[in-house]
């Protein structure tokens, strides 16, 4: 199935030196990978152990997981 604007997740602007690119990914696959990364991150992050709501990485991964159900 092709990735379209409606069926994808915008992964934000990425910079490679002077070049910018704007990747998108399949919503379902992004949510599945973010879910795995969320658990891996939370177990190894000192900030998440104290208060995961202030950890920017945790919040970003959580948002990617939640986008599957929008």
PDB file of N, CA and C in Angstrom:
ATOM      1  N   UNK A   1       0.851  -1.180   0.000  1.00  0.00           N
ATOM      2  CA  UNK A   1       0.000   0.000   0.000  1.00  0.00           C
ATOM      3  C   UNK A   1       0.893   1.239   0.000  1.00  0.00           C
ATOM      4  N   UNK A   2       0.659   2.172  -0.909  1.00  0.00           N
ATOM      5  CA  UNK A   2       1.469   3.384  -0.947  1.00  0.00           C
ATOM      6  C   UNK A   2       1.207   4.279   0.268  1.00  0.00           C
ATOM      7  N   UNK A   3       2.229   4.983   0.673  1.00  0.00           N
ATOM      8  CA  UNK A   3       2.101   5.947   1.767  1.00  0.00           C
ATOM      9  C   UNK A   3       1.601   7.254   1.162  1.00  0.00           C
ATOM     10  N   UNK A   4       0.485   7.743   1.689  1.00  0.00           N
ATOM     11  CA  UNK A   4      -0.079   9.008   1.230  1.00  0.00           C
ATOM     12  C   UNK A   4      -0.036  10.015   2.374  1.00  0.00           C
ATOM     13  N   UNK A   5      -0.325  11.250   2.075  1.00  0.00           N
ATOM     14  CA  UNK A   5      -0.359  12.286   3.109  1.00  0.00           C
ATOM     15  C   UNK A   5      -1.387  11.923   4.180  1.00  0.00           C
ATOM     16  N   UNK A   6      -2.540  11.406   3.753  1.00  0.00           N
ATOM     17  CA  UNK A   6      -3.608  11.066   4.699  1.00  0.00           C
ATOM     18  C   UNK A   6      -3.274   9.842   5.552  1.00  0.00           C
ATOM     19  N   UNK A   7      -2.514   8.896   5.013  1.00  0.00           N
ATOM     20  CA  UNK A   7      -2.264   7.644   5.731  1.00  0.00           C
ATOM     21  C   UNK A   7      -0.899   7.599   6.404  1.00  0.00           C
ATOM     22  N   UNK A   8      -0.202   8.717   6.446  1.00  0.00           N
ATOM     23  CA  UNK A   8       1.159   8.685   6.967  1.00  0.00           C
ATOM     24  C   UNK A   8       1.339   9.560   8.196  1.00  0.00           C
ATOM     25  N   UNK A   9       2.491   9.371   8.819  1.00  0.00           N
ATOM     26  CA  UNK A   9       2.910  10.182   9.955  1.00  0.00           C
ATOM     27  C   UNK A   9       4.016  11.102   9.464  1.00  0.00           C
ATOM     28  N   UNK A  10       3.868  12.387   9.731  1.00  0.00           N
ATOM     29  CA  UNK A  10       4.910  13.356   9.391  1.00  0.00           C
ATOM     30  C   UNK A  10       5.989  13.253  10.459  1.00  0.00           C
ATOM     31  N   UNK A  11       7.200  12.888  10.073  1.00  0.00           N
ATOM     32  CA  UNK A  11       8.291  12.713  11.027  1.00  0.00           C
ATOM     33  C   UNK A  11       9.103  13.978  11.247  1.00  0.00           C
ATOM     34  N   UNK A  12       8.620  15.078  10.701  1.00  0.00           N
ATOM     35  CA  UNK A  12       9.261  16.365  10.947  1.00  0.00           C
ATOM     36  C   UNK A  12      10.439  16.630  10.023  1.00  0.00           C
ATOM     37  N   UNK A  13      10.856  17.863  10.002  1.00  0.00           N
ATOM     38  CA  UNK A  13      11.981  18.263   9.155  1.00  0.00           C
ATOM     39  C   UNK A  13      13.268  17.619   9.651  1.00  0.00           C
ATOM     40  N   UNK A  14      14.028  17.081   8.726  1.00  0.00           N
ATOM     41  CA  UNK A  14      15.339  16.516   9.019  1.00  0.00           C
ATOM     42  C   UNK A  14      16.358  17.339   8.237  1.00  0.00           C
ATOM     43  N   UNK A  15      17.489  17.609   8.857  1.00  0.00           N
ATOM     44  CA  UNK A  15      18.508  18.413   8.190  1.00  0.00           C
ATOM     45  C   UNK A  15      19.764  17.573   8.002  1.00  0.00           C
ATOM     46  N   UNK A  16      20.341  17.711   6.820  1.00  0.00           N
ATOM     47  CA  UNK A  16      21.604  17.056   6.495  1.00  0.00           C
ATOM     48  C   UNK A  16      22.487  18.140   5.897  1.00  0.00           C
ATOM     49  N   UNK A  17      23.208  18.839   6.768  1.00  0.00           N
ATOM     50  CA  UNK A  17      23.976  19.995   6.317  1.00  0.00           C
ATOM     51  C   UNK A  17      23.023  21.075   5.849  1.00  0.00           C
ATOM     52  N   UNK A  18      23.217  21.590   4.637  1.00  0.00           N
ATOM     53  CA  UNK A  18      22.329  22.642   4.134  1.00  0.00           C
ATOM     54  C   UNK A  18      21.010  22.105   3.569  1.00  0.00           C
ATOM     55  N   UNK A  19      20.907  20.794   3.441  1.00  0.00           N
ATOM     56  CA  UNK A  19      19.713  20.176   2.859  1.00  0.00           C
ATOM     57  C   UNK A  19      18.662  19.884   3.932  1.00  0.00           C
ATOM     58  N   UNK A  20      17.409  20.069   3.590  1.00  0.00           N
ATOM     59  CA  UNK A  20      16.286  19.687   4.453  1.00  0.00           C
ATOM     60  C   UNK A  20      15.446  18.664   3.717  1.00  0.00           C
ATOM     61  N   UNK A  21      14.898  17.723   4.458  1.00  0.00           N
ATOM     62  CA  UNK A  21      13.952  16.781   3.878  1.00  0.00           C
ATOM     63  C   UNK A  21      12.882  16.497   4.910  1.00  0.00           C
ATOM     64  N   UNK A  22      11.731  16.060   4.444  1.00  0.00           N
ATOM     65  CA  UNK A  22      10.547  15.933   5.283  1.00  0.00           C
ATOM     66  C   UNK A  22       9.980  14.515   5.149  1.00  0.00           C
ATOM     67  N   UNK A  23      10.536  13.566   5.909  1.00  0.00           N
ATOM     68  CA  UNK A  23      10.109  12.169   5.763  1.00  0.00           C
ATOM     69  C   UNK A  23       8.714  11.911   6.319  1.00  0.00           C
ATOM     70  N   UNK A  24       8.084  10.922   5.738  1.00  0.00           N
ATOM     71  CA  UNK A  24       6.795  10.419   6.213  1.00  0.00           C
ATOM     72  C   UNK A  24       6.926   8.907   6.307  1.00  0.00           C
ATOM     73  N   UNK A  25       6.099   8.302   7.136  1.00  0.00           N
ATOM     74  CA  UNK A  25       6.126   6.849   7.293  1.00  0.00           C
ATOM     75  C   UNK A  25       4.707   6.329   7.493  1.00  0.00           C
ATOM     76  N   UNK A  26       4.535   5.061   7.222  1.00  0.00           N
ATOM     77  CA  UNK A  26       3.251   4.395   7.426  1.00  0.00           C
ATOM     78  C   UNK A  26       2.841   4.530   8.892  1.00  0.00           C
ATOM     79  N   UNK A  27       1.621   4.953   9.130  1.00  0.00           N
ATOM     80  CA  UNK A  27       1.123   5.190  10.488  1.00  0.00           C
ATOM     81  C   UNK A  27       1.215   3.932  11.363  1.00  0.00           C
ATOM     82  N   UNK A  28       0.768   2.792  10.854  1.00  0.00           N
ATOM     83  CA  UNK A  28       0.765   1.556  11.649  1.00  0.00           C
ATOM     84  C   UNK A  28       2.181   1.103  11.990  1.00  0.00           C
ATOM     85  N   UNK A  29       3.086   1.131  11.000  1.00  0.00           N
ATOM     86  CA  UNK A  29       4.463   0.704  11.249  1.00  0.00           C
ATOM     87  C   UNK A  29       5.185   1.652  12.196  1.00  0.00           C
ATOM     88  N   UNK A  30       4.924   2.937  12.052  1.00  0.00           N
ATOM     89  CA  UNK A  30       5.539   3.921  12.946  1.00  0.00           C
ATOM     90  C   UNK A  30       5.086   3.686  14.383  1.00  0.00           C
ATOM     91  N   UNK A  31       3.802   3.435  14.573  1.00  0.00           N
ATOM     92  CA  UNK A  31       3.271   3.196  15.927  1.00  0.00           C
ATOM     93  C   UNK A  31       3.880   1.944  16.534  1.00  0.00           C
ATOM     94  N   UNK A  32       4.020   0.885  15.745  1.00  0.00           N
ATOM     95  CA  UNK A  32       4.586  -0.368  16.258  1.00  0.00           C
ATOM     96  C   UNK A  32       6.044  -0.182  16.668  1.00  0.00           C
ATOM     97  N   UNK A  33       6.824   0.490  15.847  1.00  0.00           N
ATOM     98  CA  UNK A  33       8.241   0.715  16.174  1.00  0.00           C
ATOM     99  C   UNK A  33       8.392   1.683  17.342  1.00  0.00           C
ATOM    100  N   UNK A  34       7.545   2.700  17.390  1.00  0.00           N
ATOM    101  CA  UNK A  34       7.603   3.647  18.502  1.00  0.00           C
ATOM    102  C   UNK A  34       7.218   2.965  19.813  1.00  0.00           C
ATOM    103  N   UNK A  35       6.273   2.039  19.755  1.00  0.00           N
ATOM    104  CA  UNK A  35       5.849   1.303  20.947  1.00  0.00           C
ATOM    105  C   UNK A  35       7.015   0.503  21.517  1.00  0.00           C
ATOM    106  N   UNK A  36       7.732  -0.197  20.647  1.00  0.00           N
ATOM    107  CA  UNK A  36       8.905  -0.963  21.081  1.00  0.00           C
ATOM    108  C   UNK A  36       9.972  -0.033  21.640  1.00  0.00           C
ATOM    109  N   UNK A  37      10.231   1.064  20.945  1.00  0.00           N
ATOM    110  CA  UNK A  37      11.247   2.016  21.393  1.00  0.00           C
ATOM    111  C   UNK A  37      10.862   2.656  22.716  1.00  0.00           C
ATOM    112  N   UNK A  38       9.573   2.879  22.926  1.00  0.00           N
ATOM    113  CA  UNK A  38       9.091   3.484  24.166  1.00  0.00           C
ATOM    114  C   UNK A  38       9.452   2.619  25.370  1.00  0.00           C
ATOM    115  N   UNK A  39       9.215   1.332  25.266  1.00  0.00           N
ATOM    116  CA  UNK A  39       9.551   0.434  26.375  1.00  0.00           C
ATOM    117  C   UNK A  39      11.053   0.315  26.564  1.00  0.00           C
ATOM    118  N   UNK A  40      11.813   0.223  25.475  1.00  0.00           N
ATOM    119  CA  UNK A  40      13.269   0.157  25.583  1.00  0.00           C
ATOM    120  C   UNK A  40      13.816   1.419  26.240  1.00  0.00           C
ATOM    121  N   UNK A  41      13.302   2.552  25.830  1.00  0.00           N
ATOM    122  CA  UNK A  41      13.773   3.823  26.371  1.00  0.00           C
ATOM    123  C   UNK A  41      13.416   3.975  27.855  1.00  0.00           C
ATOM    124  N   UNK A  42      12.191   3.703  28.193  1.00  0.00           N
ATOM    125  CA  UNK A  42      11.719   3.937  29.565  1.00  0.00           C
ATOM    126  C   UNK A  42      12.518   3.140  30.598  1.00  0.00           C
ATOM    127  N   UNK A  43      12.991   1.973  30.214  1.00  0.00           N
ATOM    128  CA  UNK A  43      13.752   1.134  31.157  1.00  0.00           C
ATOM    129  C   UNK A  43      15.183   1.626  31.347  1.00  0.00           C
ATOM    130  N   UNK A  44      15.688   2.415  30.401  1.00  0.00           N
ATOM    131  CA  UNK A  44      17.082   2.839  30.494  1.00  0.00           C
ATOM    132  C   UNK A  44      17.253   4.337  30.754  1.00  0.00           C
ATOM    133  N   UNK A  45      16.158   5.061  30.888  1.00  0.00           N
ATOM    134  CA  UNK A  45      16.225   6.509  31.049  1.00  0.00           C
ATOM    135  C   UNK A  45      16.031   6.895  32.520  1.00  0.00           C
ATOM    136  N   UNK A  46      17.020   7.585  33.064  1.00  0.00           N
ATOM    137  CA  UNK A  46      16.936   8.019  34.462  1.00  0.00           C
ATOM    138  C   UNK A  46      15.785   9.003  34.667  1.00  0.00           C
ATOM    139  N   UNK A  47      15.578   9.895  33.691  1.00  0.00           N
ATOM    140  CA  UNK A  47      14.489  10.870  33.792  1.00  0.00           C
ATOM    141  C   UNK A  47      13.140  10.163  33.826  1.00  0.00           C
ATOM    142  N   UNK A  48      12.967   9.139  33.001  1.00  0.00           N
ATOM    143  CA  UNK A  48      11.698   8.409  32.970  1.00  0.00           C
ATOM    144  C   UNK A  48      11.439   7.691  34.287  1.00  0.00           C
ATOM    145  N   UNK A  49      12.495   7.249  34.938  1.00  0.00           N
ATOM    146  CA  UNK A  49      12.355   6.596  36.232  1.00  0.00           C
ATOM    147  C   UNK A  49      11.812   7.587  37.260  1.00  0.00           C
ATOM    148  N   UNK A  50      12.282   8.837  37.184  1.00  0.00           N
ATOM    149  CA  UNK A  50      11.838   9.872  38.120  1.00  0.00           C
ATOM    150  C   UNK A  50      10.459  10.416  37.747  1.00  0.00           C
ATOM    151  N   UNK A  51      10.317  10.874  36.499  1.00  0.00           N
ATOM    152  CA  UNK A  51       9.057  11.467  36.044  1.00  0.00           C
ATOM    153  C   UNK A  51       9.034  11.452  34.522  1.00  0.00           C
ATOM    154  N   UNK A  52       8.411  10.442  33.955  1.00  0.00           N
ATOM    155  CA  UNK A  52       8.448  10.279  32.497  1.00  0.00           C
ATOM    156  C   UNK A  52       7.732  11.399  31.744  1.00  0.00           C
ATOM    157  N   UNK A  53       6.848  12.127  32.413  1.00  0.00           N
ATOM    158  CA  UNK A  53       6.109  13.193  31.742  1.00  0.00           C
ATOM    159  C   UNK A  53       6.979  14.390  31.366  1.00  0.00           C
ATOM    160  N   UNK A  54       8.158  14.505  31.954  1.00  0.00           N
ATOM    161  CA  UNK A  54       9.050  15.605  31.597  1.00  0.00           C
ATOM    162  C   UNK A  54      10.157  15.157  30.642  1.00  0.00           C
ATOM    163  N   UNK A  55      10.195  13.890  30.284  1.00  0.00           N
ATOM    164  CA  UNK A  55      11.196  13.375  29.348  1.00  0.00           C
ATOM    165  C   UNK A  55      10.699  13.618  27.913  1.00  0.00           C
ATOM    166  N   UNK A  56      11.441  14.414  27.158  1.00  0.00           N
ATOM    167  CA  UNK A  56      11.033  14.757  25.799  1.00  0.00           C
ATOM    168  C   UNK A  56      11.013  13.535  24.879  1.00  0.00           C
ATOM    169  N   UNK A  57      11.944  12.619  25.052  1.00  0.00           N
ATOM    170  CA  UNK A  57      11.973  11.420  24.208  1.00  0.00           C
ATOM    171  C   UNK A  57      10.754  10.553  24.492  1.00  0.00           C
ATOM    172  N   UNK A  58      10.426  10.352  25.765  1.00  0.00           N
ATOM    173  CA  UNK A  58       9.248   9.572  26.114  1.00  0.00           C
ATOM    174  C   UNK A  58       7.992  10.193  25.503  1.00  0.00           C
ATOM    175  N   UNK A  59       7.847  11.503  25.652  1.00  0.00           N
ATOM    176  CA  UNK A  59       6.654  12.179  25.123  1.00  0.00           C
ATOM    177  C   UNK A  59       6.559  12.069  23.610  1.00  0.00           C
ATOM    178  N   UNK A  60       7.686  12.204  22.913  1.00  0.00           N
ATOM    179  CA  UNK A  60       7.675  12.106  21.447  1.00  0.00           C
ATOM    180  C   UNK A  60       7.289  10.689  20.999  1.00  0.00           C
ATOM    181  N   UNK A  61       7.863   9.677  21.633  1.00  0.00           N
ATOM    182  CA  UNK A  61       7.520   8.293  21.281  1.00  0.00           C
ATOM    183  C   UNK A  61       6.059   8.002  21.612  1.00  0.00           C
ATOM    184  N   UNK A  62       5.586   8.491  22.733  1.00  0.00           N
ATOM    185  CA  UNK A  62       4.200   8.280  23.126  1.00  0.00           C
ATOM    186  C   UNK A  62       3.243   8.895  22.101  1.00  0.00           C
ATOM    187  N   UNK A  63       3.582  10.113  21.625  1.00  0.00           N
ATOM    188  CA  UNK A  63       2.750  10.763  20.601  1.00  0.00           C
ATOM    189  C   UNK A  63       2.707   9.935  19.322  1.00  0.00           C
ATOM    190  N   UNK A  64       3.837   9.360  18.927  1.00  0.00           N
ATOM    191  CA  UNK A  64       3.860   8.522  17.728  1.00  0.00           C
ATOM    192  C   UNK A  64       2.987   7.284  17.898  1.00  0.00           C
ATOM    193  N   UNK A  65       3.001   6.690  19.066  1.00  0.00           N
ATOM    194  CA  UNK A  65       2.151   5.526  19.342  1.00  0.00           C
ATOM    195  C   UNK A  65       0.687   5.936  19.267  1.00  0.00           C
ATOM    196  N   UNK A  66       0.331   7.058  19.867  1.00  0.00           N
ATOM    197  CA  UNK A  66      -1.067   7.511  19.909  1.00  0.00           C
ATOM    198  C   UNK A  66      -1.601   7.888  18.530  1.00  0.00           C
ATOM    199  N   UNK A  67      -0.756   8.301  17.603  1.00  0.00           N
ATOM    200  CA  UNK A  67      -1.214   8.704  16.289  1.00  0.00           C
ATOM    201  C   UNK A  67      -1.869   7.563  15.516  1.00  0.00           C
ATOM    202  N   UNK A  68      -1.549   6.335  15.853  1.00  0.00           N
ATOM    203  CA  UNK A  68      -2.181   5.175  15.189  1.00  0.00           C
ATOM    204  C   UNK A  68      -3.678   5.168  15.433  1.00  0.00           C
ATOM    205  N   UNK A  69      -4.134   5.682  16.582  1.00  0.00           N
ATOM    206  CA  UNK A  69      -5.558   5.603  16.946  1.00  0.00           C
ATOM    207  C   UNK A  69      -6.304   6.904  16.668  1.00  0.00           C
ATOM    208  N   UNK A  70      -5.727   7.825  15.929  1.00  0.00           N
ATOM    209  CA  UNK A  70      -6.417   9.077  15.585  1.00  0.00           C
ATOM    210  C   UNK A  70      -7.390   8.851  14.468  1.00  0.00           C
TER     211      UNK A  70
END
